[in-house]
Amino acid sequence: MPLRNLPTEAAQSLAQLIDICPGQVSSMALTRNAGFDLTLLAFAPGESVSEEEYFGDTLYYLVEGMACVVLPDARVTLAAGEVLRVPAHVLHAVEGADDHGFKLLQLNAQ
């Protein structure tokens, strides 16, 4: 499947592509294909994704704000511009690291 939901007329920052909506985790698929899924997510303050496990590696790139990836034995805090790979089959969760929302780019290898 081709790339979608990306600007073609003028460059924009990733943070401008999705809004934080109160009480929600918003998502925007940028592509889904046989090799990977690429999704932009916006988390309102206090929102999180409960523990999940993926069949392939997962890359998290923090676009805006502060977030924590909660692993079985550690909590990894990400600041804007930082990236983390979670290996396949590792149960983990994603949550805010402070009282503000955050925006995250997630790539799931399949």
C-alpha atoms as a PDB file:
ATOM      1  CA  MET A   1       0.000   0.000   0.000  1.00  0.00           C
ATOM      2  CA  PRO A   2       1.394   3.452  -0.823  1.00  0.00           C
ATOM      3  CA  LEU A   3       2.161   6.221   1.635  1.00  0.00           C
ATOM      4  CA  ARG A   4      -0.870   8.280   2.635  1.00  0.00           C
ATOM      5  CA  ASN A   5      -1.890  11.193   4.866  1.00  0.00           C
ATOM      6  CA  LEU A   6       1.397  12.986   4.149  1.00  0.00           C
ATOM      7  CA  PRO A   7       1.838  16.473   2.665  1.00  0.00           C
ATOM      8  CA  THR A   8       2.668  16.702  -1.026  1.00  0.00           C
ATOM      9  CA  GLU A   9       2.382  20.447  -1.731  1.00  0.00           C
ATOM     10  CA  ALA A  10       4.582  21.843   1.055  1.00  0.00           C
ATOM     11  CA  ALA A  11       6.694  20.379   3.842  1.00  0.00           C
ATOM     12  CA  GLN A  12       5.195  20.146   7.337  1.00  0.00           C
ATOM     13  CA  SER A  13       6.487  18.892  10.651  1.00  0.00           C
ATOM     14  CA  LEU A  14       5.169  15.513  11.779  1.00  0.00           C
ATOM     15  CA  ALA A  15       3.683  17.189  14.853  1.00  0.00           C
ATOM     16  CA  GLN A  16       1.425  19.338  12.626  1.00  0.00           C
ATOM     17  CA  LEU A  17      -0.140  16.307  10.931  1.00  0.00           C
ATOM     18  CA  ILE A  18      -2.153  15.126  13.955  1.00  0.00           C
ATOM     19  CA  ASP A  19      -3.906  16.892  16.824  1.00  0.00           C
ATOM     20  CA  ILE A  20      -4.113  15.902  20.463  1.00  0.00           C
ATOM     21  CA  CYS A  21      -7.809  15.487  21.332  1.00  0.00           C
ATOM     22  CA  PRO A  22      -8.891  15.527  25.008  1.00  0.00           C
ATOM     23  CA  GLY A  23      -9.515  12.068  26.461  1.00  0.00           C
ATOM     24  CA  GLN A  24      -8.300  10.206  23.372  1.00  0.00           C
ATOM     25  CA  VAL A  25      -5.455   8.435  21.681  1.00  0.00           C
ATOM     26  CA  SER A  26      -5.715   9.514  18.037  1.00  0.00           C
ATOM     27  CA  SER A  27      -4.015   7.577  15.251  1.00  0.00           C
ATOM     28  CA  MET A  28      -3.228   8.211  11.597  1.00  0.00           C
ATOM     29  CA  ALA A  29      -1.942   5.393   9.398  1.00  0.00           C
ATOM     30  CA  LEU A  30       0.843   6.583   7.090  1.00  0.00           C
ATOM     31  CA  THR A  31       1.233   3.202   5.396  1.00  0.00           C
ATOM     32  CA  ARG A  32       0.342  -0.443   5.878  1.00  0.00           C
ATOM     33  CA  ASN A  33       2.036  -3.034   3.718  1.00  0.00           C
ATOM     34  CA  ALA A  34       3.384  -6.567   3.803  1.00  0.00           C
ATOM     35  CA  GLY A  35       6.617  -5.511   5.533  1.00  0.00           C
ATOM     36  CA  PHE A  36       5.617  -2.899   8.095  1.00  0.00           C
ATOM     37  CA  ASP A  37       2.971  -0.524   9.453  1.00  0.00           C
ATOM     38  CA  LEU A  38       3.781   3.147  10.068  1.00  0.00           C
ATOM     39  CA  THR A  39       1.386   5.066  12.323  1.00  0.00           C
ATOM     40  CA  LEU A  40       1.406   8.558  13.819  1.00  0.00           C
ATOM     41  CA  LEU A  41      -0.232   8.697  17.261  1.00  0.00           C
ATOM     42  CA  ALA A  42      -1.345  11.602  19.472  1.00  0.00           C
ATOM     43  CA  PHE A  43      -1.948  10.917  23.176  1.00  0.00           C
ATOM     44  CA  ALA A  44      -3.995  13.294  25.319  1.00  0.00           C
ATOM     45  CA  PRO A  45      -2.716  13.894  28.866  1.00  0.00           C
ATOM     46  CA  GLY A  46      -3.365  10.814  31.011  1.00  0.00           C
ATOM     47  CA  GLU A  47      -3.940   8.493  28.042  1.00  0.00           C
ATOM     48  CA  SER A  48      -1.839   5.386  27.374  1.00  0.00           C
ATOM     49  CA  VAL A  49      -1.680   2.131  25.442  1.00  0.00           C
ATOM     50  CA  SER A  50      -1.864  -0.929  27.664  1.00  0.00           C
ATOM     51  CA  GLU A  51       0.628  -3.763  27.403  1.00  0.00           C
ATOM     52  CA  GLU A  52       0.965  -5.134  23.887  1.00  0.00           C
ATOM     53  CA  GLU A  53       3.241  -7.596  22.143  1.00  0.00           C
ATOM     54  CA  TYR A  54       4.091  -7.481  18.439  1.00  0.00           C
ATOM     55  CA  PHE A  55       5.343 -10.261  16.149  1.00  0.00           C
ATOM     56  CA  GLY A  56       8.092  -8.033  14.734  1.00  0.00           C
ATOM     57  CA  ASP A  57      10.339  -5.338  16.155  1.00  0.00           C
ATOM     58  CA  THR A  58       8.701  -2.003  16.999  1.00  0.00           C
ATOM     59  CA  LEU A  59      10.351   1.385  16.565  1.00  0.00           C
ATOM     60  CA  TYR A  60       9.108   4.342  18.606  1.00  0.00           C
ATOM     61  CA  TYR A  61      10.156   7.861  17.573  1.00  0.00           C
ATOM     62  CA  LEU A  62       8.906  10.604  19.871  1.00  0.00           C
ATOM     63  CA  VAL A  63       7.717  13.553  17.797  1.00  0.00           C
ATOM     64  CA  GLU A  64       6.566  15.875  20.593  1.00  0.00           C
ATOM     65  CA  GLY A  65       6.410  15.837  24.395  1.00  0.00           C
ATOM     66  CA  MET A  66       7.719  13.196  26.813  1.00  0.00           C
ATOM     67  CA  ALA A  67       6.718   9.516  26.947  1.00  0.00           C
ATOM     68  CA  CYS A  68       7.654   6.280  28.711  1.00  0.00           C
ATOM     69  CA  VAL A  69       7.881   2.847  27.165  1.00  0.00           C
ATOM     70  CA  VAL A  70       7.223   0.407  29.992  1.00  0.00           C
ATOM     71  CA  LEU A  71       9.139  -2.852  29.489  1.00  0.00           C
ATOM     72  CA  PRO A  72       9.040  -5.951  31.734  1.00  0.00           C
ATOM     73  CA  ASP A  73      12.158  -4.866  33.656  1.00  0.00           C
ATOM     74  CA  ALA A  74      12.505  -1.140  32.927  1.00  0.00           C
ATOM     75  CA  ARG A  75      10.843   2.173  32.084  1.00  0.00           C
ATOM     76  CA  VAL A  76      12.508   4.030  29.220  1.00  0.00           C
ATOM     77  CA  THR A  77      11.754   7.751  29.016  1.00  0.00           C
ATOM     78  CA  LEU A  78      11.788   9.329  25.567  1.00  0.00           C
ATOM     79  CA  ALA A  79      12.081  13.039  24.796  1.00  0.00           C
ATOM     80  CA  ALA A  80      11.166  14.642  21.477  1.00  0.00           C
ATOM     81  CA  GLY A  81      13.566  13.496  18.764  1.00  0.00           C
ATOM     82  CA  GLU A  82      14.567  10.275  20.541  1.00  0.00           C
ATOM     83  CA  VAL A  83      14.023   6.765  19.204  1.00  0.00           C
ATOM     84  CA  LEU A  84      13.730   3.309  20.813  1.00  0.00           C
ATOM     85  CA  ARG A  85      13.464  -0.197  19.356  1.00  0.00           C
ATOM     86  CA  VAL A  86      11.467  -2.805  21.249  1.00  0.00           C
ATOM     87  CA  PRO A  87      12.370  -6.322  20.082  1.00  0.00           C
ATOM     88  CA  ALA A  88       9.693  -8.676  18.769  1.00  0.00           C
ATOM     89  CA  HIS A  89       7.616 -10.561  21.357  1.00  0.00           C
ATOM     90  CA  VAL A  90       8.468  -8.194  24.250  1.00  0.00           C
ATOM     91  CA  LEU A  91       5.351  -7.174  26.180  1.00  0.00           C
ATOM     92  CA  HIS A  92       5.349  -3.387  26.676  1.00  0.00           C
ATOM     93  CA  ALA A  93       3.123  -0.343  27.197  1.00  0.00           C
ATOM     94  CA  VAL A  94       3.349   3.337  26.222  1.00  0.00           C
ATOM     95  CA  GLU A  95       2.336   6.200  28.513  1.00  0.00           C
ATOM     96  CA  GLY A  96       3.044   9.861  29.134  1.00  0.00           C
ATOM     97  CA  ALA A  97       6.042  10.836  31.237  1.00  0.00           C
ATOM     98  CA  ASP A  98       4.413  14.036  32.530  1.00  0.00           C
ATOM     99  CA  ASP A  99       1.039  15.804  32.679  1.00  0.00           C
ATOM    100  CA  HIS A 100       1.121  16.825  29.012  1.00  0.00           C
ATOM    101  CA  GLY A 101       0.145  14.971  25.869  1.00  0.00           C
ATOM    102  CA  PHE A 102       2.656  13.572  23.404  1.00  0.00           C
ATOM    103  CA  LYS A 103       2.972  12.560  19.751  1.00  0.00           C
ATOM    104  CA  LEU A 104       4.672   9.381  18.641  1.00  0.00           C
ATOM    105  CA  LEU A 105       5.611   7.748  15.340  1.00  0.00           C
ATOM    106  CA  GLN A 106       5.348   3.950  15.560  1.00  0.00           C
ATOM    107  CA  LEU A 107       6.789   1.521  13.026  1.00  0.00           C
ATOM    108  CA  ASN A 108       5.871  -2.152  13.415  1.00  0.00           C
ATOM    109  CA  ALA A 109       7.917  -4.641  11.419  1.00  0.00           C
ATOM    110  CA  GLN A 110       5.975  -7.748  10.449  1.00  0.00           C
END
